[in-house]
N, C-alpha and C. Protein backbone atom coordinates (compact mmCIF):
# COMPACT_ATOMS: atom_id res chain seq x y z
N MET A 1 123.10 97.59 69.02
CA MET A 1 123.51 97.85 70.41
C MET A 1 122.57 97.12 71.36
N PRO A 2 123.07 96.39 72.37
CA PRO A 2 122.18 95.70 73.30
C PRO A 2 121.34 96.68 74.09
N SER A 3 120.08 96.31 74.35
CA SER A 3 119.16 97.22 75.03
C SER A 3 119.11 96.98 76.53
N ASN A 4 119.74 95.92 77.02
CA ASN A 4 119.68 95.61 78.44
C ASN A 4 121.05 95.09 78.84
N PRO A 5 121.65 95.62 79.93
CA PRO A 5 121.10 96.56 80.88
C PRO A 5 121.21 98.01 80.42
N LEU A 6 120.58 98.87 81.20
CA LEU A 6 120.63 100.30 80.92
C LEU A 6 122.04 100.82 81.12
N ARG A 7 122.59 101.48 80.10
CA ARG A 7 123.92 102.09 80.21
C ARG A 7 123.78 103.57 79.89
N LEU A 8 123.94 104.38 80.90
CA LEU A 8 123.82 105.83 80.73
C LEU A 8 125.20 106.46 80.82
N ALA A 9 125.41 107.51 80.06
CA ALA A 9 126.63 108.30 80.21
C ALA A 9 126.19 109.72 80.51
N LEU A 10 126.54 110.22 81.67
CA LEU A 10 126.07 111.53 82.12
C LEU A 10 127.27 112.43 82.37
N LEU A 11 127.23 113.60 81.78
CA LEU A 11 128.27 114.58 82.04
C LEU A 11 127.81 115.44 83.21
N LEU A 12 128.34 115.18 84.40
CA LEU A 12 127.90 115.87 85.61
C LEU A 12 129.11 116.53 86.26
N GLY A 13 129.36 117.75 85.89
CA GLY A 13 130.38 118.53 86.57
C GLY A 13 131.80 118.09 86.26
N LEU A 14 132.30 117.07 86.95
CA LEU A 14 133.71 116.74 86.88
C LEU A 14 134.07 115.83 85.72
N GLY A 15 133.12 115.22 85.08
CA GLY A 15 133.50 114.37 83.97
C GLY A 15 132.42 113.41 83.56
N LEU A 16 132.78 112.48 82.71
CA LEU A 16 131.85 111.52 82.15
C LEU A 16 131.75 110.32 83.06
N ILE A 17 130.53 110.00 83.47
CA ILE A 17 130.29 108.88 84.37
C ILE A 17 129.55 107.81 83.60
N LEU A 18 130.13 106.63 83.47
CA LEU A 18 129.48 105.53 82.78
C LEU A 18 128.74 104.69 83.79
N LEU A 19 127.48 104.45 83.53
CA LEU A 19 126.63 103.75 84.47
C LEU A 19 126.19 102.41 83.90
N PRO A 20 126.96 101.35 84.11
CA PRO A 20 126.52 100.05 83.63
C PRO A 20 125.58 99.40 84.62
N GLY A 21 124.90 98.38 84.19
CA GLY A 21 124.07 97.61 85.11
C GLY A 21 122.62 97.97 84.97
N GLY A 22 121.78 97.25 85.69
CA GLY A 22 120.36 97.49 85.63
C GLY A 22 119.67 97.01 86.87
N LEU A 23 118.39 97.28 86.96
CA LEU A 23 117.64 96.97 88.16
C LEU A 23 117.62 95.49 88.46
N ARG A 24 117.31 94.66 87.46
CA ARG A 24 117.20 93.23 87.73
C ARG A 24 118.55 92.64 88.10
N ALA A 25 119.63 93.18 87.52
CA ALA A 25 120.96 92.71 87.89
C ALA A 25 121.31 93.13 89.30
N ALA A 26 120.83 94.30 89.72
CA ALA A 26 121.15 94.81 91.05
C ALA A 26 120.37 94.10 92.14
N LEU A 27 119.16 93.64 91.80
CA LEU A 27 118.30 93.01 92.79
C LEU A 27 118.53 91.51 92.88
N PRO A 28 118.50 90.96 94.09
CA PRO A 28 118.48 89.50 94.20
C PRO A 28 117.13 88.97 93.73
N LYS A 29 117.09 87.68 93.43
CA LYS A 29 115.82 87.09 93.03
C LYS A 29 114.80 87.27 94.15
N GLN A 30 113.57 87.63 93.76
CA GLN A 30 112.55 87.94 94.75
C GLN A 30 112.21 86.71 95.59
N ASP A 31 112.09 86.94 96.88
CA ASP A 31 111.72 85.87 97.80
C ASP A 31 110.27 85.49 97.57
N PRO A 32 109.98 84.20 97.27
CA PRO A 32 108.59 83.82 97.03
C PRO A 32 107.72 83.88 98.28
N THR A 33 108.35 83.90 99.47
CA THR A 33 107.60 84.00 100.71
C THR A 33 107.25 85.45 100.96
N PRO A 34 105.99 85.81 101.04
CA PRO A 34 105.63 87.23 101.19
C PRO A 34 106.12 87.82 102.50
N GLN A 35 106.48 89.10 102.42
CA GLN A 35 106.84 89.86 103.61
C GLN A 35 105.57 90.48 104.18
N GLU A 36 105.35 90.33 105.46
CA GLU A 36 104.15 90.89 106.10
C GLU A 36 104.55 91.86 107.20
N PRO A 37 104.20 93.13 107.08
CA PRO A 37 103.64 93.74 105.87
C PRO A 37 104.75 94.07 104.88
N SER A 38 104.42 94.15 103.60
CA SER A 38 105.37 94.59 102.59
C SER A 38 105.06 96.03 102.24
N PHE A 39 106.12 96.85 102.18
CA PHE A 39 105.95 98.26 101.86
C PHE A 39 106.32 98.57 100.41
N THR A 40 106.42 97.54 99.58
CA THR A 40 106.67 97.77 98.16
C THR A 40 105.60 98.69 97.58
N GLY A 41 106.03 99.68 96.82
CA GLY A 41 105.08 100.61 96.23
C GLY A 41 104.66 101.74 97.12
N ARG A 42 105.26 101.84 98.31
CA ARG A 42 104.97 102.95 99.22
C ARG A 42 106.17 103.90 99.27
N LEU A 43 105.99 105.00 99.98
CA LEU A 43 107.07 105.96 100.18
C LEU A 43 107.65 105.83 101.58
N LEU A 44 108.95 105.87 101.65
CA LEU A 44 109.67 105.91 102.91
C LEU A 44 110.07 107.36 103.13
N VAL A 45 109.55 107.96 104.20
CA VAL A 45 109.72 109.40 104.42
C VAL A 45 110.53 109.60 105.70
N ALA A 46 111.62 110.33 105.60
CA ALA A 46 112.42 110.62 106.79
C ALA A 46 111.57 111.36 107.80
N SER A 47 111.52 110.86 109.02
CA SER A 47 110.71 111.50 110.05
C SER A 47 111.40 112.75 110.57
N PRO A 48 110.65 113.66 111.20
CA PRO A 48 111.29 114.83 111.81
C PRO A 48 112.34 114.43 112.85
N ALA A 49 112.25 113.19 113.37
CA ALA A 49 113.20 112.73 114.38
C ALA A 49 114.43 112.06 113.78
N MET A 50 114.53 112.02 112.46
CA MET A 50 115.68 111.39 111.81
C MET A 50 116.98 111.98 112.34
N GLY A 51 117.84 111.12 112.88
CA GLY A 51 119.08 111.60 113.50
C GLY A 51 120.23 111.78 112.53
N ASP A 52 120.17 111.14 111.38
CA ASP A 52 121.27 111.22 110.42
C ASP A 52 121.02 112.39 109.47
N PRO A 53 121.85 113.43 109.51
CA PRO A 53 121.60 114.61 108.68
C PRO A 53 121.66 114.30 107.18
N ARG A 54 122.31 113.21 106.79
CA ARG A 54 122.38 112.85 105.36
C ARG A 54 121.01 112.50 104.80
N PHE A 55 120.10 112.06 105.68
CA PHE A 55 118.79 111.62 105.21
C PHE A 55 117.66 112.57 105.62
N ARG A 56 118.02 113.74 106.11
CA ARG A 56 117.00 114.69 106.53
C ARG A 56 116.10 115.05 105.35
N ARG A 57 114.80 114.95 105.54
CA ARG A 57 113.79 115.28 104.55
C ARG A 57 113.90 114.45 103.26
N THR A 58 114.46 113.28 103.39
CA THR A 58 114.57 112.37 102.25
C THR A 58 113.27 111.62 102.04
N VAL A 59 112.90 111.41 100.77
CA VAL A 59 111.74 110.61 100.42
C VAL A 59 112.19 109.55 99.42
N ILE A 60 111.87 108.30 99.71
CA ILE A 60 112.34 107.16 98.93
C ILE A 60 111.15 106.33 98.46
N LEU A 61 111.11 106.01 97.18
CA LEU A 61 110.11 105.08 96.66
C LEU A 61 110.63 103.66 96.90
N ILE A 62 109.85 102.86 97.63
CA ILE A 62 110.26 101.49 97.92
C ILE A 62 109.90 100.61 96.72
N VAL A 63 110.92 100.11 96.05
CA VAL A 63 110.75 99.31 94.85
C VAL A 63 110.55 97.84 95.19
N ARG A 64 111.21 97.40 96.24
CA ARG A 64 111.04 96.01 96.68
C ARG A 64 111.21 95.93 98.18
N HIS A 65 110.37 95.12 98.82
CA HIS A 65 110.49 94.86 100.25
C HIS A 65 110.00 93.43 100.49
N ASP A 66 110.92 92.54 100.83
CA ASP A 66 110.56 91.17 101.13
C ASP A 66 111.46 90.67 102.25
N ARG A 67 111.47 89.37 102.47
CA ARG A 67 112.24 88.83 103.59
C ARG A 67 113.75 88.92 103.39
N LYS A 68 114.17 89.21 102.15
CA LYS A 68 115.59 89.38 101.87
C LYS A 68 116.06 90.80 102.12
N GLY A 69 115.14 91.70 102.42
CA GLY A 69 115.51 93.09 102.67
C GLY A 69 114.64 94.03 101.85
N ALA A 70 115.17 95.22 101.62
CA ALA A 70 114.40 96.24 100.90
C ALA A 70 115.31 97.04 99.99
N LEU A 71 114.72 97.59 98.94
CA LEU A 71 115.43 98.44 98.00
C LEU A 71 114.53 99.59 97.63
N GLY A 72 115.09 100.81 97.63
CA GLY A 72 114.31 101.99 97.29
C GLY A 72 115.13 103.00 96.52
N ILE A 73 114.45 103.95 95.89
CA ILE A 73 115.10 104.97 95.07
C ILE A 73 114.65 106.34 95.57
N THR A 74 115.60 107.18 95.92
CA THR A 74 115.30 108.53 96.39
C THR A 74 114.73 109.37 95.25
N ILE A 75 113.64 110.09 95.53
CA ILE A 75 112.97 110.85 94.48
C ILE A 75 113.03 112.36 94.68
N ASN A 76 113.74 112.83 95.70
CA ASN A 76 113.77 114.29 95.92
C ASN A 76 115.19 114.82 96.10
N ARG A 77 116.15 114.20 95.38
CA ARG A 77 117.53 114.68 95.40
C ARG A 77 118.02 114.89 93.97
N PRO A 78 117.48 115.89 93.26
CA PRO A 78 117.93 116.13 91.88
C PRO A 78 119.37 116.62 91.85
N VAL A 79 120.11 116.17 90.85
CA VAL A 79 121.51 116.59 90.72
C VAL A 79 121.78 117.29 89.39
N GLY A 80 120.79 117.35 88.51
CA GLY A 80 120.99 118.04 87.25
C GLY A 80 120.00 117.57 86.20
N GLU A 81 119.95 118.30 85.10
CA GLU A 81 119.08 117.94 83.99
C GLU A 81 119.94 117.76 82.75
N ARG A 82 119.65 116.71 81.97
CA ARG A 82 120.40 116.45 80.75
C ARG A 82 119.43 116.14 79.61
N SER A 83 119.81 116.51 78.42
CA SER A 83 118.99 116.20 77.27
C SER A 83 119.09 114.71 76.95
N LEU A 84 118.03 114.18 76.39
CA LEU A 84 118.06 112.78 75.96
C LEU A 84 119.10 112.58 74.86
N ALA A 85 119.28 113.61 74.02
CA ALA A 85 120.30 113.51 72.98
C ALA A 85 121.68 113.32 73.59
N THR A 86 121.98 114.06 74.66
CA THR A 86 123.28 113.93 75.33
C THR A 86 123.47 112.52 75.88
N LEU A 87 122.45 112.01 76.53
CA LEU A 87 122.54 110.67 77.13
C LEU A 87 122.75 109.61 76.06
N LEU A 88 121.96 109.67 75.01
CA LEU A 88 122.02 108.63 73.98
C LEU A 88 123.28 108.75 73.12
N GLN A 89 123.70 109.96 72.82
CA GLN A 89 124.92 110.13 72.05
C GLN A 89 126.13 109.63 72.84
N ALA A 90 126.11 109.83 74.15
CA ALA A 90 127.20 109.36 74.99
C ALA A 90 127.29 107.84 74.99
N MET A 91 126.16 107.19 74.66
CA MET A 91 126.13 105.74 74.57
C MET A 91 126.35 105.26 73.14
N GLY A 92 126.73 106.18 72.26
CA GLY A 92 127.02 105.80 70.90
C GLY A 92 125.82 105.77 69.98
N ASP A 93 124.69 106.27 70.45
CA ASP A 93 123.47 106.27 69.64
C ASP A 93 123.27 107.68 69.08
N SER A 94 123.78 107.90 67.87
CA SER A 94 123.64 109.21 67.24
C SER A 94 122.96 109.07 65.88
N SER A 95 122.21 107.99 65.70
CA SER A 95 121.63 107.70 64.39
C SER A 95 120.38 108.51 64.09
N ALA A 96 119.78 109.09 65.13
CA ALA A 96 118.53 109.83 64.91
C ALA A 96 118.48 111.03 65.83
N ALA A 97 117.61 111.96 65.48
CA ALA A 97 117.42 113.13 66.34
C ALA A 97 116.65 112.72 67.58
N HIS A 98 117.07 113.25 68.71
CA HIS A 98 116.43 112.91 69.97
C HIS A 98 115.95 114.19 70.65
N ALA A 99 114.72 114.19 71.06
CA ALA A 99 114.13 115.39 71.65
C ALA A 99 113.90 115.20 73.14
N GLY A 100 113.85 116.33 73.83
CA GLY A 100 113.48 116.30 75.25
C GLY A 100 114.67 116.17 76.18
N SER A 101 114.38 116.28 77.47
CA SER A 101 115.41 116.17 78.50
C SER A 101 114.82 115.48 79.72
N VAL A 102 115.69 115.03 80.61
CA VAL A 102 115.26 114.36 81.82
C VAL A 102 116.00 114.92 83.02
N LEU A 103 115.35 114.91 84.16
CA LEU A 103 115.98 115.31 85.41
C LEU A 103 116.67 114.10 86.01
N ILE A 104 117.91 114.30 86.45
CA ILE A 104 118.71 113.22 87.01
C ILE A 104 118.71 113.33 88.54
N PHE A 105 118.53 112.20 89.21
CA PHE A 105 118.45 112.17 90.67
C PHE A 105 119.54 111.29 91.26
N ALA A 106 120.00 111.65 92.46
CA ALA A 106 120.84 110.76 93.25
C ALA A 106 119.92 109.77 93.94
N GLY A 107 119.84 108.56 93.39
CA GLY A 107 118.87 107.57 93.88
C GLY A 107 119.25 106.93 95.18
N GLY A 108 120.54 106.95 95.53
CA GLY A 108 120.96 106.35 96.78
C GLY A 108 122.44 105.99 96.73
N PRO A 109 122.99 105.60 97.88
CA PRO A 109 124.44 105.38 97.97
C PRO A 109 124.92 104.04 97.43
N VAL A 110 124.00 103.10 97.17
CA VAL A 110 124.40 101.77 96.72
C VAL A 110 124.50 101.74 95.20
N GLN A 111 125.60 101.21 94.68
CA GLN A 111 125.83 101.07 93.24
C GLN A 111 125.46 102.35 92.47
N PRO A 112 126.14 103.44 92.76
CA PRO A 112 125.83 104.69 92.05
C PRO A 112 126.15 104.61 90.56
N GLU A 113 126.80 103.53 90.12
CA GLU A 113 127.04 103.35 88.69
C GLU A 113 125.82 102.79 87.96
N VAL A 114 124.79 102.40 88.70
CA VAL A 114 123.59 101.81 88.10
C VAL A 114 122.56 102.90 87.81
N GLY A 115 122.05 102.92 86.59
CA GLY A 115 121.01 103.87 86.22
C GLY A 115 119.65 103.20 86.17
N LEU A 116 118.64 103.84 86.76
CA LEU A 116 117.29 103.30 86.84
C LEU A 116 116.29 104.37 86.42
N VAL A 117 115.30 104.00 85.64
CA VAL A 117 114.26 104.94 85.22
C VAL A 117 112.96 104.60 85.94
N ILE A 118 112.51 105.50 86.81
CA ILE A 118 111.19 105.39 87.43
C ILE A 118 110.20 106.04 86.47
N HIS A 119 109.09 105.37 86.21
CA HIS A 119 108.15 105.92 85.24
C HIS A 119 106.72 105.51 85.55
N SER A 120 105.80 106.15 84.85
CA SER A 120 104.39 105.82 85.00
C SER A 120 104.12 104.44 84.42
N ALA A 121 103.04 103.81 84.91
CA ALA A 121 102.77 102.41 84.58
C ALA A 121 102.20 102.22 83.19
N ASP A 122 102.02 103.30 82.43
CA ASP A 122 101.52 103.15 81.07
C ASP A 122 102.56 102.55 80.14
N TYR A 123 103.83 102.52 80.56
CA TYR A 123 104.92 101.98 79.75
C TYR A 123 105.34 100.65 80.35
N ASP A 124 105.45 99.62 79.50
CA ASP A 124 105.77 98.29 80.01
C ASP A 124 106.60 97.53 78.99
N ARG A 125 107.77 97.06 79.41
CA ARG A 125 108.63 96.21 78.60
C ARG A 125 108.87 94.90 79.35
N GLN A 126 109.53 93.97 78.70
CA GLN A 126 109.82 92.70 79.35
C GLN A 126 110.67 92.90 80.60
N ASP A 127 111.55 93.91 80.57
CA ASP A 127 112.43 94.16 81.71
C ASP A 127 111.90 95.23 82.65
N THR A 128 110.62 95.58 82.53
CA THR A 128 110.00 96.54 83.44
C THR A 128 109.56 95.83 84.72
N LEU A 129 109.83 96.46 85.85
CA LEU A 129 109.40 95.95 87.14
C LEU A 129 108.27 96.82 87.67
N ALA A 130 107.08 96.25 87.81
CA ALA A 130 105.94 96.99 88.36
C ALA A 130 106.18 97.26 89.84
N VAL A 131 105.92 98.49 90.26
CA VAL A 131 106.09 98.88 91.67
C VAL A 131 104.73 98.92 92.35
N ASN A 132 103.78 99.60 91.72
CA ASN A 132 102.38 99.55 92.15
C ASN A 132 101.52 99.83 90.92
N GLY A 133 100.27 100.09 91.10
CA GLY A 133 99.41 100.28 89.95
C GLY A 133 99.71 101.52 89.13
N ASP A 134 100.44 102.49 89.72
CA ASP A 134 100.74 103.75 89.04
C ASP A 134 102.18 103.88 88.60
N LEU A 135 103.08 103.10 89.21
CA LEU A 135 104.51 103.32 89.03
C LEU A 135 105.24 102.04 88.66
N ALA A 136 106.32 102.20 87.90
CA ALA A 136 107.15 101.06 87.49
C ALA A 136 108.59 101.54 87.34
N VAL A 137 109.51 100.60 87.19
CA VAL A 137 110.92 100.91 86.99
C VAL A 137 111.44 100.06 85.83
N THR A 138 112.18 100.69 84.92
CA THR A 138 112.79 99.97 83.81
C THR A 138 114.27 100.29 83.77
N ALA A 139 115.08 99.27 83.52
CA ALA A 139 116.53 99.43 83.44
C ALA A 139 117.01 99.01 82.07
N SER A 140 116.48 99.63 81.04
CA SER A 140 116.85 99.32 79.66
C SER A 140 117.10 100.61 78.90
N LEU A 141 118.13 100.60 78.06
CA LEU A 141 118.41 101.77 77.23
C LEU A 141 117.23 102.09 76.32
N GLU A 142 116.44 101.09 75.99
CA GLU A 142 115.31 101.30 75.09
C GLU A 142 114.30 102.29 75.65
N VAL A 143 114.16 102.37 76.96
CA VAL A 143 113.20 103.31 77.52
C VAL A 143 113.61 104.75 77.17
N LEU A 144 114.92 105.04 77.19
CA LEU A 144 115.38 106.37 76.81
C LEU A 144 115.16 106.62 75.32
N ARG A 145 115.43 105.61 74.51
CA ARG A 145 115.16 105.77 73.07
C ARG A 145 113.69 106.04 72.82
N ASP A 146 112.82 105.29 73.51
CA ASP A 146 111.39 105.50 73.33
C ASP A 146 110.95 106.88 73.81
N MET A 147 111.53 107.33 74.90
CA MET A 147 111.21 108.67 75.39
C MET A 147 111.62 109.73 74.38
N ALA A 148 112.78 109.54 73.76
CA ALA A 148 113.26 110.50 72.77
C ALA A 148 112.39 110.52 71.52
N ARG A 149 111.71 109.39 71.24
CA ARG A 149 110.82 109.29 70.08
C ARG A 149 109.38 109.61 70.45
N ASN A 150 109.17 110.11 71.67
CA ASN A 150 107.82 110.39 72.16
C ASN A 150 106.95 109.13 72.18
N GLN A 151 107.59 107.98 72.42
CA GLN A 151 106.88 106.71 72.53
C GLN A 151 107.11 106.08 73.90
N GLY A 152 107.69 106.83 74.81
CA GLY A 152 108.00 106.30 76.13
C GLY A 152 106.89 106.53 77.13
N PRO A 153 107.19 106.39 78.41
CA PRO A 153 106.18 106.62 79.44
C PRO A 153 105.74 108.08 79.48
N ARG A 154 104.55 108.28 79.97
CA ARG A 154 104.01 109.64 80.08
C ARG A 154 104.82 110.48 81.07
N LYS A 155 105.29 109.85 82.15
CA LYS A 155 106.08 110.52 83.18
C LYS A 155 107.30 109.66 83.47
N ALA A 156 108.45 110.30 83.73
CA ALA A 156 109.66 109.53 84.03
C ALA A 156 110.70 110.40 84.72
N LEU A 157 111.57 109.75 85.48
CA LEU A 157 112.77 110.39 86.01
C LEU A 157 113.88 109.33 86.04
N VAL A 158 115.13 109.80 85.95
CA VAL A 158 116.28 108.91 85.93
C VAL A 158 117.03 109.05 87.25
N ALA A 159 117.35 107.91 87.86
CA ALA A 159 118.07 107.92 89.14
C ALA A 159 119.37 107.14 89.01
N LEU A 160 120.39 107.61 89.74
CA LEU A 160 121.68 106.94 89.79
C LEU A 160 121.83 106.31 91.17
N GLY A 161 121.93 104.98 91.21
CA GLY A 161 122.07 104.30 92.48
C GLY A 161 120.75 104.12 93.20
N TYR A 162 120.82 103.46 94.33
CA TYR A 162 119.62 103.18 95.12
C TYR A 162 120.00 103.01 96.58
N ALA A 163 119.01 102.91 97.44
CA ALA A 163 119.21 102.64 98.86
C ALA A 163 118.82 101.19 99.14
N GLY A 164 119.59 100.51 99.96
CA GLY A 164 119.31 99.11 100.25
C GLY A 164 119.35 98.82 101.74
N TRP A 165 118.55 97.84 102.15
CA TRP A 165 118.49 97.41 103.55
C TRP A 165 118.58 95.89 103.60
N SER A 166 119.36 95.38 104.52
CA SER A 166 119.46 93.94 104.72
C SER A 166 118.22 93.44 105.45
N PRO A 167 118.02 92.11 105.54
CA PRO A 167 116.83 91.59 106.21
C PRO A 167 116.66 92.14 107.62
N GLY A 168 115.49 92.70 107.88
CA GLY A 168 115.18 93.23 109.21
C GLY A 168 115.69 94.63 109.48
N GLN A 169 116.58 95.15 108.63
CA GLN A 169 117.17 96.47 108.89
C GLN A 169 116.15 97.58 108.77
N LEU A 170 115.35 97.55 107.72
CA LEU A 170 114.35 98.60 107.55
C LEU A 170 113.34 98.57 108.69
N GLU A 171 112.92 97.38 109.09
CA GLU A 171 111.98 97.25 110.20
C GLU A 171 112.54 97.86 111.47
N SER A 172 113.85 97.66 111.70
CA SER A 172 114.49 98.24 112.89
C SER A 172 114.50 99.76 112.83
N GLU A 173 114.77 100.31 111.65
CA GLU A 173 114.79 101.76 111.51
C GLU A 173 113.40 102.36 111.67
N LEU A 174 112.40 101.64 111.18
CA LEU A 174 111.02 102.09 111.38
C LEU A 174 110.64 102.05 112.85
N ALA A 175 111.09 101.02 113.56
CA ALA A 175 110.74 100.87 114.97
C ALA A 175 111.33 101.99 115.83
N ARG A 176 112.48 102.53 115.42
CA ARG A 176 113.06 103.64 116.19
C ARG A 176 112.67 105.00 115.62
N ASP A 177 111.64 105.01 114.77
CA ASP A 177 111.04 106.24 114.26
C ASP A 177 111.97 107.07 113.38
N ASP A 178 112.89 106.40 112.67
CA ASP A 178 113.70 107.12 111.70
C ASP A 178 112.88 107.47 110.46
N TRP A 179 111.92 106.59 110.12
CA TRP A 179 111.16 106.73 108.88
C TRP A 179 109.67 106.59 109.16
N LEU A 180 108.90 107.13 108.24
CA LEU A 180 107.45 106.96 108.21
C LEU A 180 107.08 106.37 106.85
N ILE A 181 105.97 105.66 106.80
CA ILE A 181 105.49 105.06 105.56
C ILE A 181 104.29 105.87 105.05
N ALA A 182 104.37 106.30 103.78
CA ALA A 182 103.31 107.11 103.18
C ALA A 182 102.89 106.48 101.85
N PRO A 183 101.67 106.76 101.40
CA PRO A 183 101.24 106.26 100.09
C PRO A 183 102.02 106.96 98.97
N ALA A 184 102.25 106.23 97.88
CA ALA A 184 102.95 106.79 96.72
C ALA A 184 101.95 107.01 95.60
N SER A 185 102.06 108.13 94.94
CA SER A 185 101.22 108.41 93.78
C SER A 185 102.09 108.97 92.67
N ALA A 186 101.64 108.82 91.44
CA ALA A 186 102.39 109.36 90.31
C ALA A 186 102.51 110.88 90.43
N ALA A 187 101.46 111.54 90.92
CA ALA A 187 101.49 112.99 91.05
C ALA A 187 102.59 113.44 92.00
N LEU A 188 102.73 112.76 93.12
CA LEU A 188 103.75 113.15 94.09
C LEU A 188 105.14 112.81 93.57
N VAL A 189 105.29 111.65 92.95
CA VAL A 189 106.60 111.21 92.48
C VAL A 189 107.10 112.09 91.34
N PHE A 190 106.22 112.49 90.41
CA PHE A 190 106.67 113.18 89.21
C PHE A 190 106.35 114.68 89.16
N ASP A 191 105.22 115.09 89.73
CA ASP A 191 104.72 116.44 89.48
C ASP A 191 105.00 117.45 90.59
N THR A 192 105.03 117.01 91.82
CA THR A 192 105.25 117.92 92.94
C THR A 192 106.64 118.53 92.85
N PRO A 193 106.79 119.85 92.99
CA PRO A 193 108.13 120.45 93.00
C PRO A 193 109.02 119.73 94.01
N ARG A 194 110.24 119.45 93.60
CA ARG A 194 111.12 118.60 94.43
C ARG A 194 111.34 119.16 95.82
N GLU A 195 111.38 120.48 95.97
CA GLU A 195 111.60 121.05 97.29
C GLU A 195 110.37 120.89 98.19
N ARG A 196 109.24 120.45 97.61
CA ARG A 196 108.03 120.26 98.40
C ARG A 196 107.63 118.80 98.56
N VAL A 197 108.42 117.89 98.02
CA VAL A 197 108.04 116.47 98.06
C VAL A 197 107.93 115.96 99.49
N TRP A 198 108.89 116.32 100.34
CA TRP A 198 108.84 115.83 101.72
C TRP A 198 107.60 116.36 102.43
N ASP A 199 107.33 117.64 102.28
CA ASP A 199 106.15 118.23 102.92
C ASP A 199 104.87 117.58 102.40
N ALA A 200 104.81 117.34 101.09
CA ALA A 200 103.61 116.73 100.51
C ALA A 200 103.43 115.30 101.01
N ALA A 201 104.52 114.56 101.13
CA ALA A 201 104.43 113.19 101.65
C ALA A 201 103.98 113.20 103.11
N MET A 202 104.51 114.12 103.89
CA MET A 202 104.10 114.22 105.28
C MET A 202 102.62 114.60 105.39
N ALA A 203 102.15 115.45 104.48
CA ALA A 203 100.76 115.88 104.52
C ALA A 203 99.80 114.71 104.28
N THR A 204 100.23 113.71 103.52
CA THR A 204 99.36 112.55 103.29
C THR A 204 99.15 111.76 104.57
N LEU A 205 100.02 111.97 105.54
CA LEU A 205 99.90 111.28 106.83
C LEU A 205 99.15 112.12 107.86
N GLY A 206 98.82 113.35 107.47
CA GLY A 206 98.18 114.24 108.42
C GLY A 206 99.14 114.70 109.50
N THR A 207 100.45 114.68 109.16
CA THR A 207 101.49 115.03 110.12
C THR A 207 102.11 116.34 109.74
N ARG A 208 102.19 117.25 110.66
CA ARG A 208 102.85 118.52 110.40
C ARG A 208 104.32 118.42 110.75
N PRO A 209 105.24 118.86 109.83
CA PRO A 209 106.67 118.80 110.12
C PRO A 209 107.06 119.72 111.26
């Protein structure tokens, strides 16, 4: 079975959702001209002044930010938990016992058929995209297999879809105070209870909600 791109099958309420595609396929080739400033590896935090109720208290890990735009994955919108066995068996991989489970997140409104695994930087494959020194993203079925064999990243979450901004769009939203920029850490991304992620991100700014 091909290991790239990541193909997840998730049974979420109404039926079986097949998620073809992967991070590198979803992203345009990176612009070699640096974006100044670049917010790659930071958190985009909905400000208390956010006017769109769909994004209220949303926290997004910025995976890429350059002159071509920005891409991020929401980390505080869980939609369910599934066993690794369920995910892998749905992809036709039933050759071995698979242990453990993962929390599934609504990563954003763009390409919700694409599955992405945010994980700690201790795990690295050829198709892994480094986000910062603590965090990375992999879009390969092999990461799930490795997780099931207890050979995967120390910390991980699975997201469906992502948020995207065209050139200059994110900067415009920041200028009108829709979002704030906060530091990203593995502890906040993986360990903080999801209902407290927004408050914890705001606290890193010394800002009271």
